[in-house]
Amino acid sequence: MSPKKELKVGITQGDINGIGYEIIIKSLADNKINEICTPIVYGSSKVAAFYRKNIELENFSFHQIRSVNEANTKRSNLINVLNDDVKVEPGKMTPGGGEAAFISLKKAVEDLKNKQIDVLVTAPINKNNIQSDNFRFPGHTEYLASMFEGENALMLMVSDIMKIGVVAGHVPLQKVAGLITTENVLKKIKIINKSLMVDFGIDKPRIAVLSLNPHAGDGGLLGKEEVEQIIPAIRKAREEKILAFGAYAADGFFGSGTFKKFDAVLAMYHDQGLVPFKALNFDQGVNYTAGLSVVRTSPAHGTAYELVGKNTASETSFRQAIYLACDIYRKREEYKELISNPLPKFLTNEEKDN
């Protein structure tokens, strides 16, 4: 096995009026982070100083750099991407907050494309105020998919006890049924299956697929999507040697603890998957963008304007996002090495005879 390299973790500042800087600083104040990676924040020294003072962490400071090449591997680094006239309005949704979030994201993505950083961890954005001529996407997942030609990008929520992806992500509920097609469901099953093997090192993963309608449609009485779209997708997946099972009615599936028997779950729409996930994993959960050529994670929560300035925001999810990004990068490297140097295949006597 090749020796481990020191990973450079690019971190975007997110909305400067949300809890982004609080959770970033609290996470990086833990010296254990520097033992596994070199953090590089794309942000503002002015904004960082404002929030550091607010959460009373006097013994923490960023190492100021102009480019990734200047990063100190023993410190948390910060590249200034904003002008000094940036205005901080804690707890408020402002156009400036959205603009600052995009500037940070754009610069970090450029460095990720150019392999200046190894992985990307994004602090929360507000999906409304970030909208502009340069950003017309429902969220990070869709933007990153466009930047890295990720037609197979999928939002995968990850914790120690479950992994949940969704067929229909950031779309209005009234449009969900139209997106539940055999093609779409099968595509998402394949993405999850590959991610579980490559990114998480799981051999022959078991994937549970949820239904769309109550009681899994009751044989067509409460909806035909299960019979006509979802179950055919599961059958096709099984034909391709993917261990997909279902369709399971969501309420009983989570209520009975059946989810514990599977490596991942594919829900049909956003809240069907994220409500149980966040109810069980809010502080520990991580949002991972599966299906991309690069590794990106984020905490499983939003800007939380209502918590800004109170020094009560938990950094646990953000810290877990950093750890997970590094873990997935290393799993991918292990997988590349494994398939480039496969163990020799030994034939049985029966195979030799044939």
Protein backbone atom coordinates (compact mmCIF):
# COMPACT_ATOMS: atom_id res chain seq x y z
CA MET A 1 0.00 0.00 0.00
CA SER A 2 1.31 3.45 -0.91
CA PRO A 3 2.19 5.80 1.98
CA LYS A 4 -0.50 8.28 3.00
CA LYS A 5 -0.14 11.79 1.61
CA GLU A 6 -0.98 14.92 3.57
CA LEU A 7 -4.40 15.94 2.29
CA LYS A 8 -5.25 19.56 1.53
CA VAL A 9 -8.87 20.20 2.49
CA GLY A 10 -10.46 23.22 0.83
CA ILE A 11 -13.21 24.79 2.98
CA THR A 12 -15.71 27.34 1.69
CA GLN A 13 -17.00 29.99 4.08
CA GLY A 14 -20.67 29.68 3.07
CA ASP A 15 -23.04 32.51 3.97
CA ILE A 16 -21.01 34.95 6.09
CA ASN A 17 -24.13 35.90 8.06
CA GLY A 18 -24.91 32.31 9.07
CA ILE A 19 -23.18 29.91 11.45
CA GLY A 20 -20.51 28.96 8.91
CA TYR A 21 -17.57 30.69 10.53
CA GLU A 22 -18.58 29.59 14.01
CA ILE A 23 -18.61 25.91 13.09
CA ILE A 24 -15.49 26.24 10.92
CA ILE A 25 -13.45 27.88 13.69
CA LYS A 26 -14.73 25.52 16.39
CA SER A 27 -13.88 22.52 14.20
CA LEU A 28 -10.39 23.74 13.31
CA ALA A 29 -9.61 24.71 16.90
CA ASP A 30 -9.39 20.96 17.55
CA ASN A 31 -5.72 20.16 16.89
CA LYS A 32 -6.61 16.63 15.82
CA ILE A 33 -7.72 18.06 12.48
CA ASN A 34 -4.13 19.06 11.65
CA GLU A 35 -2.98 15.49 12.25
CA ILE A 36 -5.02 14.21 9.29
CA CYS A 37 -5.11 17.14 6.87
CA THR A 38 -4.14 20.72 6.03
CA PRO A 39 -7.27 22.92 6.19
CA ILE A 40 -7.48 25.83 3.74
CA VAL A 41 -10.43 28.20 4.16
CA TYR A 42 -11.51 30.36 1.24
CA GLY A 43 -12.87 33.37 3.06
CA SER A 44 -12.06 36.65 4.77
CA SER A 45 -9.66 37.39 7.62
CA LYS A 46 -11.92 40.27 8.64
CA VAL A 47 -15.03 38.09 8.87
CA ALA A 48 -13.08 35.30 10.58
CA ALA A 49 -11.76 37.74 13.22
CA PHE A 50 -15.28 39.02 13.85
CA TYR A 51 -16.67 35.57 14.59
CA ARG A 52 -13.60 34.36 16.48
CA LYS A 53 -14.04 37.25 18.89
CA ASN A 54 -17.74 36.47 19.16
CA ILE A 55 -17.15 32.87 20.24
CA GLU A 56 -14.24 33.89 22.51
CA LEU A 57 -11.54 31.64 21.09
CA GLU A 58 -8.51 33.76 21.85
CA ASN A 59 -5.90 31.03 21.31
CA PHE A 60 -6.94 30.30 17.71
CA SER A 61 -5.85 32.14 14.57
CA PHE A 62 -5.59 31.45 10.87
CA HIS A 63 -2.33 31.39 8.96
CA GLN A 64 -2.88 33.96 6.21
CA ILE A 65 -1.83 32.83 2.72
CA ARG A 66 -2.26 34.04 -0.84
CA SER A 67 -2.33 30.63 -2.50
CA VAL A 68 -2.47 26.96 -1.58
CA ASN A 69 1.27 26.63 -2.21
CA GLU A 70 1.93 28.79 0.86
CA ALA A 71 -0.15 26.60 3.21
CA ASN A 72 1.37 25.67 6.56
CA THR A 73 0.75 21.96 7.11
CA LYS A 74 0.69 22.44 10.89
CA ARG A 75 -1.85 25.27 10.90
CA SER A 76 -5.33 26.15 9.68
CA ASN A 77 -4.87 28.39 6.65
CA LEU A 78 -7.03 31.12 5.13
CA ILE A 79 -6.97 32.60 1.64
CA ASN A 80 -8.60 36.03 1.45
CA VAL A 81 -11.12 36.02 -1.39
CA LEU A 82 -13.12 39.07 -0.27
CA ASN A 83 -12.33 42.78 -0.10
CA ASP A 84 -11.88 44.42 3.29
CA ASP A 85 -15.09 46.43 2.79
CA VAL A 86 -17.19 43.27 3.17
CA LYS A 87 -20.16 43.87 5.46
CA VAL A 88 -21.15 41.31 8.09
CA GLU A 89 -24.79 41.33 9.20
CA PRO A 90 -25.11 38.37 11.59
CA GLY A 91 -28.34 36.41 11.34
CA LYS A 92 -29.63 38.25 8.27
CA MET A 93 -30.22 37.00 4.74
CA THR A 94 -28.57 39.63 2.54
CA PRO A 95 -27.41 39.83 -1.09
CA GLY A 96 -23.89 40.42 0.20
CA GLY A 97 -23.97 37.17 2.14
CA GLY A 98 -24.94 35.25 -0.98
CA GLU A 99 -22.32 36.98 -3.13
CA ALA A 100 -19.57 36.24 -0.60
CA ALA A 101 -20.64 32.57 -0.49
CA PHE A 102 -20.40 32.26 -4.26
CA ILE A 103 -17.00 33.98 -4.50
CA SER A 104 -15.61 31.52 -1.96
CA LEU A 105 -17.18 28.52 -3.70
CA LYS A 106 -15.96 29.58 -7.15
CA LYS A 107 -12.35 30.01 -6.02
CA ALA A 108 -12.32 26.71 -4.11
CA VAL A 109 -13.76 24.86 -7.11
CA GLU A 110 -11.09 26.37 -9.37
CA ASP A 111 -8.37 25.06 -7.06
CA LEU A 112 -10.10 21.68 -6.82
CA LYS A 113 -10.19 21.45 -10.62
CA ASN A 114 -6.52 22.33 -10.80
CA LYS A 115 -5.69 19.75 -8.11
CA GLN A 116 -4.36 22.41 -5.75
CA ILE A 117 -6.60 20.94 -3.05
CA ASP A 118 -7.59 17.29 -2.65
CA VAL A 119 -11.15 17.51 -1.32
CA LEU A 120 -13.83 20.15 -0.74
CA VAL A 121 -15.91 20.79 2.38
CA THR A 122 -18.61 23.42 2.02
CA ALA A 123 -20.14 25.50 4.81
CA PRO A 124 -23.91 26.16 4.50
CA ILE A 125 -25.29 28.58 1.93
CA ASN A 126 -28.72 30.17 1.64
CA LYS A 127 -30.20 28.80 -1.57
CA ASN A 128 -32.13 32.02 -2.13
CA ASN A 129 -29.63 34.84 -1.70
CA ILE A 130 -26.85 33.06 -3.59
CA GLN A 131 -28.90 33.12 -6.79
CA SER A 132 -27.37 35.32 -9.52
CA ASP A 133 -26.43 35.26 -13.19
CA ASN A 134 -23.45 33.10 -12.17
CA PHE A 135 -25.36 30.74 -9.88
CA ARG A 136 -28.76 29.45 -10.91
CA PHE A 137 -28.87 26.11 -9.15
CA PRO A 138 -31.02 24.65 -6.35
CA GLY A 139 -27.90 24.02 -4.26
CA HIS A 140 -24.28 22.89 -4.02
CA THR A 141 -24.98 19.43 -5.47
CA GLU A 142 -26.35 20.71 -8.75
CA TYR A 143 -23.66 23.39 -9.11
CA LEU A 144 -20.85 20.92 -8.55
CA ALA A 145 -22.45 18.47 -10.96
CA SER A 146 -22.32 21.17 -13.65
CA MET A 147 -18.70 22.07 -12.88
CA PHE A 148 -17.43 18.49 -12.90
CA GLU A 149 -19.65 16.99 -15.61
CA GLY A 150 -21.40 14.97 -12.95
CA GLU A 151 -24.51 13.70 -14.64
CA ASN A 152 -24.51 10.96 -12.03
CA ALA A 153 -24.28 13.25 -8.99
CA LEU A 154 -26.46 12.25 -6.06
CA MET A 155 -26.96 13.74 -2.59
CA LEU A 156 -26.08 11.00 -0.11
CA MET A 157 -26.65 11.64 3.59
CA VAL A 158 -24.11 9.71 5.64
CA SER A 159 -23.76 8.76 9.31
CA ASP A 160 -22.49 5.83 11.32
CA ILE A 161 -25.92 4.21 11.35
CA MET A 162 -27.31 4.93 7.87
CA LYS A 163 -26.75 6.27 4.38
CA ILE A 164 -29.67 7.72 2.46
CA GLY A 165 -29.89 9.00 -1.12
CA VAL A 166 -32.88 10.42 -2.96
CA VAL A 167 -34.23 10.10 -6.50
CA ALA A 168 -35.86 13.55 -6.61
CA GLY A 169 -33.71 16.05 -4.70
CA HIS A 170 -34.29 19.79 -4.59
CA VAL A 171 -37.54 19.90 -6.54
CA PRO A 172 -41.10 20.97 -5.59
CA LEU A 173 -43.17 18.12 -4.17
CA GLN A 174 -45.75 18.42 -6.93
CA LYS A 175 -43.08 17.44 -9.50
CA VAL A 176 -41.81 14.38 -7.66
CA ALA A 177 -44.13 11.75 -9.15
CA GLY A 178 -43.10 12.71 -12.67
CA LEU A 179 -39.46 12.03 -11.82
CA ILE A 180 -40.09 8.54 -10.45
CA THR A 181 -39.35 6.57 -13.59
CA THR A 182 -37.69 3.20 -14.00
CA GLU A 183 -34.73 4.91 -15.68
CA ASN A 184 -34.22 7.45 -12.88
CA VAL A 185 -34.62 4.96 -10.05
CA LEU A 186 -32.23 2.47 -11.68
CA LYS A 187 -29.69 5.24 -12.32
CA LYS A 188 -29.70 6.27 -8.65
CA ILE A 189 -29.42 2.65 -7.49
CA LYS A 190 -26.31 2.25 -9.65
CA ILE A 191 -24.75 5.46 -8.31
CA ILE A 192 -25.28 4.39 -4.71
CA ASN A 193 -23.99 0.89 -5.40
CA LYS A 194 -20.78 2.18 -6.99
CA SER A 195 -20.25 4.77 -4.25
CA LEU A 196 -20.65 2.17 -1.51
CA MET A 197 -17.99 0.01 -3.14
CA VAL A 198 -15.51 2.71 -4.19
CA ASP A 199 -16.01 5.44 -1.56
CA PHE A 200 -16.83 3.28 1.46
CA GLY A 201 -15.10 0.01 0.69
CA ILE A 202 -18.23 -2.14 1.02
CA ASP A 203 -18.18 -5.41 -0.92
CA LYS A 204 -21.57 -6.47 -2.33
CA PRO A 205 -23.58 -3.68 -0.67
CA ARG A 206 -27.24 -4.17 0.16
CA ILE A 207 -29.52 -1.32 -0.93
CA ALA A 208 -33.11 -0.78 0.24
CA VAL A 209 -35.43 1.09 -2.13
CA LEU A 210 -38.44 2.90 -0.68
CA SER A 211 -41.88 3.24 -2.23
CA LEU A 212 -43.43 6.55 -3.26
CA ASN A 213 -46.99 6.02 -2.11
CA PRO A 214 -48.44 5.04 1.29
CA HIS A 215 -48.29 1.29 2.00
CA ALA A 216 -46.10 0.86 -1.10
CA GLY A 217 -49.13 1.65 -3.23
CA ASP A 218 -51.17 -1.32 -1.94
CA GLY A 219 -50.75 -3.18 -5.21
CA GLY A 220 -51.80 -0.18 -7.29
CA LEU A 221 -54.77 0.89 -5.16
CA LEU A 222 -52.94 3.96 -3.76
CA GLY A 223 -50.73 4.66 -6.77
CA LYS A 224 -49.10 2.77 -9.60
CA GLU A 225 -45.52 4.08 -9.40
CA GLU A 226 -44.37 1.07 -7.39
CA VAL A 227 -45.78 -1.49 -9.82
CA GLU A 228 -44.96 0.36 -13.01
CA GLN A 229 -41.65 2.12 -12.23
CA ILE A 230 -39.92 1.33 -8.93
CA ILE A 231 -40.17 -2.47 -8.78
CA PRO A 232 -39.13 -2.86 -12.46
CA ALA A 233 -36.05 -0.72 -11.66
CA ILE A 234 -35.21 -3.00 -8.74
CA ARG A 235 -35.57 -6.07 -10.95
CA LYS A 236 -33.24 -4.59 -13.56
CA ALA A 237 -30.71 -3.78 -10.88
CA ARG A 238 -30.83 -7.38 -9.65
CA GLU A 239 -30.25 -8.56 -13.22
CA GLU A 240 -27.02 -6.51 -13.11
CA LYS A 241 -25.97 -8.29 -9.90
CA ILE A 242 -26.81 -5.30 -7.68
CA LEU A 243 -28.34 -6.29 -4.34
CA ALA A 244 -31.34 -3.94 -4.38
CA PHE A 245 -34.49 -4.74 -2.40
CA GLY A 246 -37.97 -3.23 -2.06
CA ALA A 247 -40.10 -1.33 -2.57
CA TYR A 248 -40.55 -0.66 1.17
CA ALA A 249 -43.20 1.57 2.71
CA ALA A 250 -41.18 4.33 4.40
CA ASP A 251 -43.07 4.56 7.70
CA GLY A 252 -42.74 0.91 8.67
CA PHE A 253 -39.24 0.69 7.23
CA PHE A 254 -37.84 3.29 9.61
CA GLY A 255 -40.23 2.67 12.48
CA SER A 256 -39.30 -1.01 12.72
CA GLY A 257 -35.58 -0.41 12.38
CA THR A 258 -35.40 -2.37 9.12
CA PHE A 259 -32.96 0.25 7.79
CA LYS A 260 -30.29 -1.30 10.03
CA LYS A 261 -30.18 -4.36 7.78
CA PHE A 262 -28.97 -2.39 4.74
CA ASP A 263 -25.83 -0.53 3.72
CA ALA A 264 -27.83 2.29 2.13
CA VAL A 265 -31.36 3.44 1.43
CA LEU A 266 -32.76 5.06 -1.71
CA ALA A 267 -35.71 7.33 -0.91
CA MET A 268 -37.96 8.72 -3.61
CA TYR A 269 -37.89 12.39 -2.58
CA HIS A 270 -36.10 14.85 -0.31
CA ASP A 271 -38.15 14.84 2.89
CA GLN A 272 -38.92 11.12 2.74
CA GLY A 273 -35.22 10.45 3.22
CA LEU A 274 -33.97 13.50 5.11
CA VAL A 275 -36.64 13.68 7.80
CA PRO A 276 -35.77 10.28 9.35
CA PHE A 277 -32.08 10.86 8.68
CA LYS A 278 -31.96 14.17 10.52
CA ALA A 279 -34.24 12.93 13.28
CA LEU A 280 -31.71 10.19 14.06
CA ASN A 281 -28.42 11.82 13.05
CA PHE A 282 -28.73 15.60 13.16
CA ASP A 283 -25.43 16.38 14.90
CA GLN A 284 -23.46 13.51 13.36
CA GLY A 285 -24.81 13.49 9.81
CA VAL A 286 -22.90 14.57 6.72
CA ASN A 287 -24.07 15.51 3.22
CA TYR A 288 -21.88 13.81 0.61
CA THR A 289 -22.13 14.34 -3.15
CA ALA A 290 -21.78 10.85 -4.58
CA GLY A 291 -21.11 10.22 -8.25
CA LEU A 292 -18.60 13.04 -8.84
CA SER A 293 -15.00 12.67 -9.93
CA VAL A 294 -14.05 14.79 -6.89
CA VAL A 295 -14.87 14.50 -3.19
CA ARG A 296 -17.21 17.05 -1.61
CA THR A 297 -18.93 16.96 1.77
CA SER A 298 -20.85 19.42 3.94
CA PRO A 299 -22.64 19.44 7.29
CA ALA A 300 -26.21 18.13 7.30
CA HIS A 301 -27.75 21.48 8.25
CA GLY A 302 -28.26 24.99 6.94
CA THR A 303 -27.19 28.54 7.78
CA ALA A 304 -29.20 28.58 11.05
CA TYR A 305 -29.50 32.37 11.16
CA GLU A 306 -31.41 32.07 14.43
CA LEU A 307 -28.30 30.71 16.19
CA VAL A 308 -25.81 33.31 14.99
CA GLY A 309 -24.13 35.29 17.75
CA LYS A 310 -25.22 32.97 20.55
CA ASN A 311 -22.15 30.71 20.53
CA THR A 312 -24.44 27.67 20.65
CA ALA A 313 -24.03 26.19 17.15
CA SER A 314 -22.64 22.65 17.22
CA GLU A 315 -19.58 22.03 15.06
CA THR A 316 -19.92 18.23 15.22
CA SER A 317 -21.50 17.76 11.79
CA PHE A 318 -18.94 20.03 10.14
CA ARG A 319 -16.04 18.24 11.81
CA GLN A 320 -17.49 14.91 10.67
CA ALA A 321 -17.72 16.34 7.13
CA ILE A 322 -13.96 17.01 7.20
CA TYR A 323 -13.20 13.52 8.49
CA LEU A 324 -15.50 11.88 5.94
CA ALA A 325 -14.01 13.79 3.01
CA CYS A 326 -10.54 12.58 3.98
CA ASP A 327 -11.77 9.02 4.54
CA ILE A 328 -13.46 8.86 1.13
CA TYR A 329 -10.41 10.26 -0.65
CA ARG A 330 -8.25 7.55 0.91
CA LYS A 331 -10.82 4.83 0.14
CA ARG A 332 -10.78 5.91 -3.49
CA GLU A 333 -7.00 5.70 -3.56
CA GLU A 334 -7.14 2.23 -2.04
CA TYR A 335 -9.72 1.16 -4.62
CA LYS A 336 -7.56 2.47 -7.50
CA GLU A 337 -4.59 0.53 -6.18
CA LEU A 338 -6.71 -2.59 -5.69
CA ILE A 339 -8.05 -2.67 -9.24
CA SER A 340 -4.67 -1.78 -10.76
CA ASN A 341 -3.02 -4.68 -8.93
CA PRO A 342 -5.73 -7.34 -8.61
CA LEU A 343 -5.02 -10.61 -6.90
CA PRO A 344 -4.51 -13.46 -9.38
CA LYS A 345 -7.63 -15.48 -10.02
CA PHE A 346 -7.35 -19.16 -9.16
CA LEU A 347 -9.60 -21.43 -11.19
CA THR A 348 -11.42 -24.40 -9.72
CA ASN A 349 -11.00 -27.81 -11.36
CA GLU A 350 -14.47 -27.44 -12.85
CA GLU A 351 -13.56 -24.08 -14.41
CA LYS A 352 -10.32 -25.53 -15.77
CA ASP A 353 -12.22 -28.40 -17.40
CA ASN A 354 -14.56 -25.94 -19.12
